[in-house]
Amino acid sequence: MDTVNVALFGFGTIGTGVAKILFNHQDSIAQAAGKKVRLVKICDKDVTTQRDVTIPADVLTNDADSVFNNPNIHIGIELIGGQEPARTFVKRLLEGGKNVVTANKALLAQHGAELFDTARKNNRTIAFEASVCGGIPILNALQTVLQANSFQSITAIVNGTCNYILSQMESGKTSYKDAVAQAQKLGYAEANPAMDVDGTDSVQKLTILAQMAFGAAADWKSIPRTGIEAVDAIDFRYAKELGYRIKLLAVAVRRTEGLELHVSPTLVKADNPLAKVRDAFNAVRVVGDAVGPVFFQGLGAGQMPTASAVVGDVIDTVLGRTAITFKTLNLWGSKPAAVLKSPDEFFGKSYLRFKVEDQPGVMHEIAGILGKQNISIASMIQHEPDDASTDDDAVLILTTHECREGSLLTAIKTLESLPAVLGKVVRLRVQ
């Protein structure tokens, strides 16, 4: 049986999981791939820390050139993360005649066009199933079994860290700060969780989903995003009264005027399957014109679910499936890109939370500002001040009917300038 030699860059949590699978399941992998798959080199700057896997003495190295310059290595797995040196390493692998497997959503969101062009010029491939939703095979589904569809929308929970934090806060037993600390303790959140909680991770994954499903060449930095930092325990209370739960959603919707993309905390009806996705799980709802709605759910992060997707990509690369889809789909290629709709022209419903002075006329003034922007109020909740806060100010909750995004943002800016409105207006989308 022929042998395919593999090198791994990055020996952290996911890299350790990949090594476990490649070393411990050699026979089943060979049966699936039709060839022996050997992990011959692991490259990491840290070669002294003990990992939870036994490897041969000559496999671990900090010499990247020993991989780049070795013609007998056929596939390079990039699990370094971030932009550099990951970008440089992937380019050198491709230019050296090696196929690439990566889980790096930040790299693809930022440099997808450049790297895919490099792969095409060198007749190589890039496989990246693990870059979105860990163990859920959503990218494979979009590019194979669902390809007969014109996709209408994707609505997804793609960040397990945020979903865990929101689930803990919803239970009523944990503050935002404590929920973040618990996520860090369990390994769901980094020491600095900023890219998770501010929506960056989700919007980068949405960029990849939009490329796969709609051919959208979107700059991830320009996609509207709101993180979960502004969500307070009181929002879960009011969401429940209204019949909703709160989830951080990544949304892509095909409209007549163009593709709508955004990431934000969103009120989701309690009986919606997305609302029932808890803890570190991810979920993706895809609507196609032929298949209708389909729903994927599973662990979106963690060592072994993500490692499973990485090794699956290795097997597909060995089999040649990756080469077929890579060439046919022409991702980040020359095909016409989808038109992106201007964020100001999005239409949707919203939840607004104000802290206001408890005095006559405030509600009339607020309604007048919304009315000037053609924003209609769908519902209102206001409890007595001592029921909602420790002072004499009142918390006011409004939900709107569908309205134009640009008009809503203008109204919020005006509302925040009112003397009777104290602090910022918290706005969540309503699905």
Protein backbone atom coordinates (compact mmCIF):
# COMPACT_ATOMS: atom_id res chain seq x y z
CA MET A 1 0.00 0.00 0.00
CA ASP A 2 1.32 3.44 -0.93
CA THR A 3 2.15 5.94 1.82
CA VAL A 4 1.29 9.65 2.12
CA ASN A 5 3.50 11.61 4.50
CA VAL A 6 1.99 14.43 6.53
CA ALA A 7 3.51 17.28 8.52
CA LEU A 8 1.71 19.22 11.25
CA PHE A 9 2.36 22.87 12.12
CA GLY A 10 1.08 23.80 15.58
CA PHE A 11 1.14 21.36 18.49
CA GLY A 12 -1.39 23.00 20.77
CA THR A 13 -4.76 21.63 21.85
CA ILE A 14 -6.07 20.84 18.36
CA GLY A 15 -2.70 19.71 17.06
CA THR A 16 -2.43 17.23 19.92
CA GLY A 17 -5.87 15.88 19.02
CA VAL A 18 -4.87 15.47 15.37
CA ALA A 19 -1.70 13.62 16.40
CA LYS A 20 -3.75 11.30 18.61
CA ILE A 21 -6.03 10.34 15.74
CA LEU A 22 -3.25 9.94 13.17
CA PHE A 23 -1.11 7.79 15.48
CA ASN A 24 -3.88 5.78 17.17
CA HIS A 25 -6.14 5.07 14.17
CA GLN A 26 -3.63 4.27 11.44
CA ASP A 27 -5.38 1.12 10.22
CA SER A 28 -8.86 2.63 9.93
CA ILE A 29 -7.45 5.76 8.26
CA ALA A 30 -5.56 3.64 5.75
CA GLN A 31 -8.72 1.71 4.97
CA ALA A 32 -10.69 4.95 4.45
CA ALA A 33 -7.96 6.69 2.43
CA GLY A 34 -6.75 3.72 0.40
CA LYS A 35 -3.20 4.62 1.41
CA LYS A 36 -1.16 4.68 4.60
CA VAL A 37 -1.12 8.13 6.17
CA ARG A 38 2.00 8.81 8.25
CA LEU A 39 2.52 11.84 10.48
CA VAL A 40 6.27 12.24 9.99
CA LYS A 41 6.88 15.74 11.37
CA ILE A 42 5.29 18.01 13.97
CA CYS A 43 6.64 21.55 13.88
CA ASP A 44 6.17 23.85 16.87
CA LYS A 45 8.25 26.54 18.55
CA ASP A 46 7.76 24.70 21.86
CA VAL A 47 9.49 21.33 21.74
CA THR A 48 9.85 20.79 25.50
CA THR A 49 6.31 20.82 26.91
CA GLN A 50 4.84 17.36 27.43
CA ARG A 51 1.62 16.74 25.48
CA ASP A 52 -1.03 14.14 26.09
CA VAL A 53 0.13 11.94 23.22
CA THR A 54 3.13 9.68 22.66
CA ILE A 55 5.15 10.46 19.52
CA PRO A 56 8.40 9.07 18.08
CA ALA A 57 11.51 10.99 19.18
CA ASP A 58 12.41 12.26 15.69
CA VAL A 59 8.96 13.65 14.84
CA LEU A 60 8.84 16.87 16.90
CA THR A 61 10.93 19.80 15.60
CA ASN A 62 11.10 23.58 15.67
CA ASP A 63 12.78 23.71 12.26
CA ALA A 64 10.08 24.68 9.75
CA ASP A 65 12.53 24.53 6.83
CA SER A 66 12.99 20.82 7.44
CA VAL A 67 9.36 20.43 6.38
CA PHE A 68 9.29 22.97 3.55
CA ASN A 69 12.42 21.51 1.96
CA ASN A 70 11.42 17.87 2.28
CA PRO A 71 10.00 16.63 -1.06
CA ASN A 72 8.76 13.45 0.61
CA ILE A 73 6.15 15.32 2.65
CA HIS A 74 2.91 15.55 0.69
CA ILE A 75 0.41 17.31 2.98
CA GLY A 76 0.92 20.13 5.48
CA ILE A 77 -1.61 20.72 8.26
CA GLU A 78 -1.65 24.32 9.52
CA LEU A 79 -2.99 24.69 13.07
CA ILE A 80 -0.94 27.69 14.20
CA GLY A 81 -3.86 30.11 14.07
CA GLY A 82 -3.83 33.85 13.42
CA GLN A 83 -2.33 35.63 10.43
CA GLU A 84 1.44 35.23 10.69
CA PRO A 85 3.43 33.08 10.42
CA ALA A 86 0.44 30.99 9.29
CA ARG A 87 0.04 32.88 5.98
CA THR A 88 3.73 32.56 5.12
CA PHE A 89 3.82 28.89 6.09
CA VAL A 90 0.75 28.02 3.98
CA LYS A 91 2.19 29.82 0.96
CA ARG A 92 5.52 28.03 1.32
CA LEU A 93 3.78 24.67 1.61
CA LEU A 94 1.77 25.30 -1.54
CA GLU A 95 4.72 26.67 -3.49
CA GLY A 96 6.72 23.62 -2.39
CA GLY A 97 4.18 21.30 -4.02
CA LYS A 98 2.33 20.26 -0.86
CA ASN A 99 -1.43 20.25 -0.33
CA VAL A 100 -2.72 22.07 2.74
CA VAL A 101 -5.30 21.35 5.43
CA THR A 102 -6.14 24.20 7.81
CA ALA A 103 -8.56 25.08 10.60
CA ASN A 104 -7.64 28.77 10.47
CA LYS A 105 -10.80 30.82 9.86
CA ALA A 106 -9.02 34.13 10.53
CA LEU A 107 -6.45 33.34 7.85
CA LEU A 108 -9.04 32.39 5.25
CA ALA A 109 -11.29 35.35 6.04
CA GLN A 110 -8.38 37.75 5.57
CA HIS A 111 -6.22 36.06 2.92
CA GLY A 112 -8.49 33.50 1.25
CA ALA A 113 -8.21 35.02 -2.23
CA GLU A 114 -4.40 35.20 -2.11
CA LEU A 115 -3.93 31.69 -0.74
CA PHE A 116 -6.41 30.03 -3.08
CA ASP A 117 -4.78 31.80 -6.03
CA THR A 118 -1.39 30.46 -4.86
CA ALA A 119 -2.85 26.96 -4.61
CA ARG A 120 -4.29 27.12 -8.13
CA LYS A 121 -1.03 28.41 -9.62
CA ASN A 122 0.84 25.49 -8.05
CA ASN A 123 -1.84 22.88 -8.84
CA ARG A 124 -2.35 22.25 -5.12
CA THR A 125 -5.40 22.27 -2.84
CA ILE A 126 -6.55 23.78 0.45
CA ALA A 127 -9.06 21.89 2.64
CA PHE A 128 -10.63 23.77 5.55
CA GLU A 129 -13.67 21.99 6.99
CA ALA A 130 -12.47 22.55 10.57
CA SER A 131 -12.38 26.34 10.12
CA VAL A 132 -16.13 26.66 10.74
CA CYS A 133 -18.13 24.89 13.46
CA GLY A 134 -15.49 22.34 14.45
CA GLY A 135 -16.98 18.87 14.16
CA ILE A 136 -20.09 19.85 12.17
CA PRO A 137 -19.52 18.99 8.47
CA ILE A 138 -21.28 22.13 7.25
CA LEU A 139 -18.76 23.18 4.59
CA ASN A 140 -18.73 19.70 3.08
CA ALA A 141 -22.52 19.73 2.96
CA LEU A 142 -22.63 23.12 1.22
CA GLN A 143 -20.10 22.12 -1.43
CA THR A 144 -21.36 18.58 -2.14
CA VAL A 145 -24.79 17.21 -1.25
CA LEU A 146 -26.53 20.61 -1.15
CA GLN A 147 -24.92 22.04 -4.29
CA ALA A 148 -28.11 21.55 -6.32
CA ASN A 149 -29.68 24.42 -4.35
CA SER A 150 -29.75 28.14 -4.73
CA PHE A 151 -29.24 29.02 -1.07
CA GLN A 152 -31.70 31.48 0.42
CA SER A 153 -30.32 31.95 3.92
CA ILE A 154 -27.92 30.72 6.59
CA THR A 155 -28.65 31.40 10.25
CA ALA A 156 -26.05 30.02 12.61
CA ILE A 157 -24.59 29.81 16.09
CA VAL A 158 -20.93 29.49 15.17
CA ASN A 159 -19.14 30.43 18.40
CA GLY A 160 -19.35 27.88 21.19
CA THR A 161 -17.71 30.20 23.71
CA CYS A 162 -20.43 32.83 23.37
CA ASN A 163 -23.18 30.25 23.36
CA TYR A 164 -21.81 28.77 26.58
CA ILE A 165 -21.61 32.21 28.22
CA LEU A 166 -25.14 33.14 27.18
CA SER A 167 -26.47 29.76 28.33
CA GLN A 168 -24.91 30.22 31.75
CA MET A 169 -26.28 33.76 32.08
CA GLU A 170 -29.75 32.61 31.01
CA SER A 171 -29.79 30.09 33.84
CA GLY A 172 -29.90 33.07 36.21
CA LYS A 173 -27.08 31.73 38.34
CA THR A 174 -24.10 33.44 36.67
CA SER A 175 -23.02 36.96 35.79
CA TYR A 176 -21.33 37.75 32.49
CA LYS A 177 -17.94 38.02 34.20
CA ASP A 178 -18.33 34.70 36.04
CA ALA A 179 -19.62 32.95 32.90
CA VAL A 180 -16.52 34.09 30.98
CA ALA A 181 -14.28 32.80 33.80
CA GLN A 182 -16.06 29.45 33.78
CA ALA A 183 -15.67 29.20 29.98
CA GLN A 184 -11.94 29.85 30.38
CA LYS A 185 -11.66 27.22 33.09
CA LEU A 186 -13.32 24.61 30.85
CA GLY A 187 -11.11 25.50 27.89
CA TYR A 188 -13.91 27.03 25.81
CA ALA A 189 -12.45 30.55 26.01
CA GLU A 190 -8.94 31.89 25.60
CA ALA A 191 -7.16 33.83 28.34
CA ASN A 192 -8.12 36.90 26.30
CA PRO A 193 -11.62 36.08 24.96
CA ALA A 194 -12.06 39.37 23.08
CA MET A 195 -12.26 37.90 19.58
CA ASP A 196 -15.01 35.53 20.72
CA VAL A 197 -17.17 37.89 22.77
CA ASP A 198 -16.89 40.89 20.42
CA GLY A 199 -18.16 38.86 17.46
CA THR A 200 -14.90 38.79 15.48
CA ASP A 201 -14.66 34.99 15.44
CA SER A 202 -18.29 34.67 14.33
CA VAL A 203 -18.00 37.23 11.55
CA GLN A 204 -14.86 35.57 10.17
CA LYS A 205 -16.69 32.26 10.03
CA LEU A 206 -19.69 33.98 8.41
CA THR A 207 -17.32 35.30 5.71
CA ILE A 208 -16.33 31.72 4.87
CA LEU A 209 -19.94 30.48 4.90
CA ALA A 210 -20.95 33.36 2.61
CA GLN A 211 -18.15 32.49 0.18
CA MET A 212 -19.16 28.83 0.16
CA ALA A 213 -22.93 29.30 -0.18
CA PHE A 214 -23.24 32.57 -2.10
CA GLY A 215 -19.86 33.25 -3.70
CA ALA A 216 -19.63 36.44 -1.64
CA ALA A 217 -16.20 38.08 -1.51
CA ALA A 218 -16.89 39.98 1.70
CA ASP A 219 -14.39 41.95 3.76
CA TRP A 220 -15.06 40.55 7.22
CA LYS A 221 -14.13 43.87 8.83
CA SER A 222 -16.97 45.62 7.01
CA ILE A 223 -19.70 43.18 8.07
CA PRO A 224 -21.88 44.68 10.84
CA ARG A 225 -21.18 42.91 14.11
CA THR A 226 -22.17 43.33 17.73
CA GLY A 227 -20.71 41.20 20.49
CA ILE A 228 -22.31 39.89 23.65
CA GLU A 229 -20.64 42.28 26.13
CA ALA A 230 -23.69 44.57 26.29
CA VAL A 231 -26.10 41.73 27.07
CA ASP A 232 -27.17 41.89 30.71
CA ALA A 233 -28.97 39.45 32.98
CA ILE A 234 -32.04 41.67 32.78
CA ASP A 235 -32.24 41.09 29.02
CA PHE A 236 -32.80 37.37 29.57
CA ARG A 237 -35.63 38.21 31.95
CA TYR A 238 -37.38 40.43 29.44
CA ALA A 239 -36.66 38.11 26.53
CA LYS A 240 -38.36 35.30 28.46
CA GLU A 241 -41.41 37.51 29.12
CA LEU A 242 -41.62 38.12 25.37
CA GLY A 243 -41.25 34.41 24.55
CA TYR A 244 -37.63 34.50 23.36
CA ARG A 245 -34.11 33.39 24.20
CA ILE A 246 -30.92 35.26 23.33
CA LYS A 247 -28.32 33.81 20.96
CA LEU A 248 -25.36 35.27 19.09
CA LEU A 249 -26.36 34.66 15.47
CA ALA A 250 -24.36 34.88 12.26
CA VAL A 251 -26.82 35.57 9.45
CA ALA A 252 -26.61 35.55 5.65
CA VAL A 253 -29.81 36.22 3.70
CA ARG A 254 -30.23 36.54 -0.05
CA ARG A 255 -32.38 39.60 -0.81
CA THR A 256 -33.48 41.09 -4.13
CA GLU A 257 -31.09 44.01 -3.57
CA GLY A 258 -28.14 41.82 -2.55
CA LEU A 259 -26.75 39.60 0.19
CA GLU A 260 -27.36 40.66 3.80
CA LEU A 261 -24.64 39.72 6.28
CA HIS A 262 -24.47 40.50 10.00
CA VAL A 263 -23.54 39.09 13.44
CA SER A 264 -25.34 40.17 16.60
CA PRO A 265 -27.05 39.00 19.80
CA THR A 266 -30.57 38.13 18.71
CA LEU A 267 -33.87 37.28 20.34
CA VAL A 268 -34.94 33.89 18.98
CA LYS A 269 -38.41 32.42 19.61
CA ALA A 270 -38.18 29.91 22.43
CA ASP A 271 -39.64 27.09 20.31
CA ASN A 272 -37.13 27.63 17.48
CA PRO A 273 -34.50 24.84 17.32
CA LEU A 274 -31.73 27.46 17.41
CA ALA A 275 -33.04 28.71 20.76
CA LYS A 276 -32.61 25.24 22.23
CA VAL A 277 -28.90 24.98 21.36
CA ARG A 278 -27.06 25.32 24.66
CA ASP A 279 -23.59 25.41 26.16
CA ALA A 280 -20.64 25.03 23.74
CA PHE A 281 -22.71 23.56 20.91
CA ASN A 282 -22.98 25.15 17.46
CA ALA A 283 -25.86 24.95 15.01
CA VAL A 284 -26.44 25.98 11.42
CA ARG A 285 -29.81 26.37 9.70
CA VAL A 286 -29.56 26.43 5.91
CA VAL A 287 -32.48 27.15 3.58
CA GLY A 288 -32.18 26.05 -0.05
CA ASP A 289 -34.72 26.58 -2.80
CA ALA A 290 -34.95 22.84 -3.46
CA VAL A 291 -34.22 21.15 -0.13
CA GLY A 292 -35.97 23.73 2.07
CA PRO A 293 -34.69 24.18 5.63
CA VAL A 294 -32.03 21.80 6.98
CA PHE A 295 -30.49 21.93 10.44
CA PHE A 296 -27.00 20.91 11.59
CA GLN A 297 -25.97 20.75 15.25
CA GLY A 298 -22.89 19.55 17.11
CA LEU A 299 -19.83 20.53 19.09
CA GLY A 300 -18.28 23.50 17.33
CA ALA A 301 -15.06 23.58 19.29
CA GLY A 302 -12.86 21.43 21.46
CA GLN A 303 -9.88 19.24 20.82
CA MET A 304 -11.36 16.07 19.36
CA PRO A 305 -14.35 17.41 17.36
CA THR A 306 -12.07 19.86 15.55
CA ALA A 307 -9.33 17.26 15.13
CA SER A 308 -11.92 14.92 13.61
CA ALA A 309 -12.69 17.49 10.91
CA VAL A 310 -8.98 18.09 10.24
CA VAL A 311 -8.22 14.39 9.77
CA GLY A 312 -11.34 14.06 7.62
CA ASP A 313 -9.86 16.71 5.33
CA VAL A 314 -6.57 14.82 5.22
CA ILE A 315 -8.39 11.68 4.10
CA ASP A 316 -10.36 13.60 1.45
CA THR A 317 -7.10 15.10 0.18
CA VAL A 318 -5.47 11.68 -0.06
CA LEU A 319 -8.49 10.26 -1.87
CA GLY A 320 -8.54 13.13 -4.37
CA ARG A 321 -12.00 14.39 -3.42
CA THR A 322 -10.57 17.71 -2.30
CA ALA A 323 -8.91 18.21 -5.70
CA ILE A 324 -12.19 17.67 -7.52
CA THR A 325 -14.23 20.12 -5.44
CA PHE A 326 -11.35 22.62 -5.20
CA LYS A 327 -11.09 22.91 -8.97
CA THR A 328 -14.82 22.84 -9.66
CA LEU A 329 -15.98 25.35 -7.04
CA ASN A 330 -13.22 27.89 -7.80
CA LEU A 331 -13.58 29.42 -4.34
CA TRP A 332 -12.18 32.93 -3.91
CA GLY A 333 -11.67 32.77 -7.67
CA SER A 334 -12.63 34.66 -10.81
CA LYS A 335 -16.37 33.92 -10.81
CA PRO A 336 -18.62 36.98 -10.32
CA ALA A 337 -18.99 37.81 -6.65
CA ALA A 338 -22.39 38.18 -5.02
CA VAL A 339 -23.59 41.75 -4.55
CA LEU A 340 -23.61 42.78 -0.88
CA LYS A 341 -26.55 44.80 0.38
CA SER A 342 -25.79 48.09 2.14
CA PRO A 343 -26.15 47.62 5.93
CA ASP A 344 -28.24 50.79 6.17
CA GLU A 345 -30.83 49.11 3.94
CA PHE A 346 -31.29 46.00 6.08
CA PHE A 347 -34.82 45.57 7.41
CA GLY A 348 -35.69 43.79 10.63
CA LYS A 349 -37.24 43.85 14.08
CA SER A 350 -35.38 45.04 17.16
CA TYR A 351 -35.40 44.91 20.96
CA LEU A 352 -34.40 48.18 22.66
CA ARG A 353 -33.53 48.58 26.34
CA PHE A 354 -33.38 52.05 27.88
CA LYS A 355 -32.65 53.32 31.32
CA VAL A 356 -34.76 56.47 31.66
CA GLU A 357 -35.75 59.00 34.26
CA ASP A 358 -39.09 58.00 35.74
CA GLN A 359 -41.03 61.13 34.87
CA PRO A 360 -44.09 62.06 32.78
CA GLY A 361 -43.68 62.58 29.05
CA VAL A 362 -40.60 60.42 28.52
CA MET A 363 -42.44 57.68 26.65
CA HIS A 364 -44.20 60.25 24.46
CA GLU A 365 -40.85 61.80 23.56
CA ILE A 366 -39.30 58.43 22.75
CA ALA A 367 -42.28 57.39 20.61
CA GLY A 368 -42.05 60.69 18.74
CA ILE A 369 -38.39 60.17 17.83
CA LEU A 370 -39.08 56.64 16.62
CA GLY A 371 -42.12 57.83 14.69
CA LYS A 372 -40.07 60.45 12.81
CA GLN A 373 -37.94 57.59 11.48
CA ASN A 374 -41.04 55.53 10.52
CA ILE A 375 -40.35 53.03 13.29
CA SER A 376 -43.44 51.44 14.79
CA ILE A 377 -43.49 50.04 18.34
CA ALA A 378 -44.61 46.40 18.56
CA SER A 379 -44.54 45.95 22.35
CA MET A 380 -43.45 47.68 25.54
CA ILE A 381 -42.50 46.47 29.02
CA GLN A 382 -41.87 48.75 31.97
CA HIS A 383 -41.72 47.53 35.55
CA GLU A 384 -41.74 49.72 38.62
CA PRO A 385 -38.27 51.23 39.24
CA ASP A 386 -37.68 49.27 42.45
CA ASP A 387 -38.49 46.08 40.56
CA ALA A 388 -35.86 46.66 37.90
CA SER A 389 -33.10 48.70 39.54
CA THR A 390 -31.77 49.94 42.83
CA ASP A 391 -32.49 53.62 42.13
CA ASP A 392 -35.49 55.70 41.04
CA ASP A 393 -34.81 55.33 37.33
CA ALA A 394 -36.91 53.04 35.17
CA VAL A 395 -35.92 50.35 32.71
CA LEU A 396 -37.98 50.50 29.54
CA ILE A 397 -38.11 47.71 26.97
CA LEU A 398 -39.46 48.27 23.46
CA THR A 399 -39.67 45.94 20.50
CA THR A 400 -40.20 47.32 17.03
CA HIS A 401 -41.92 46.14 13.91
CA GLU A 402 -39.71 45.71 10.86
CA CYS A 403 -37.84 48.90 10.10
CA ARG A 404 -34.88 50.14 8.09
CA GLU A 405 -31.49 49.69 9.80
CA GLY A 406 -30.21 53.14 8.91
CA SER A 407 -33.35 54.76 10.33
CA LEU A 408 -33.08 52.75 13.55
CA LEU A 409 -29.46 53.74 14.10
CA THR A 410 -30.35 57.39 13.54
CA ALA A 411 -33.19 57.10 16.05
CA ILE A 412 -30.93 55.44 18.64
CA LYS A 413 -28.36 58.21 18.30
CA THR A 414 -31.08 60.83 18.85
CA LEU A 415 -32.53 58.93 21.81
CA GLU A 416 -29.15 58.73 23.51
CA SER A 417 -28.89 62.52 23.32
CA LEU A 418 -32.08 63.01 25.36
CA PRO A 419 -31.51 64.18 28.97
CA ALA A 420 -34.13 61.67 30.15
CA VAL A 421 -32.32 58.71 28.57
CA LEU A 422 -29.49 57.61 30.83
CA GLY A 423 -26.51 55.97 29.15
CA LYS A 424 -26.52 53.90 26.00
CA VAL A 425 -29.52 52.23 24.39
CA VAL A 426 -29.00 48.47 24.22
CA ARG A 427 -30.22 47.09 20.92
CA LEU A 428 -30.64 43.40 20.10
CA ARG A 429 -32.05 42.05 16.87
CA VAL A 430 -35.26 40.04 16.88
CA GLN A 431 -35.31 37.07 14.51
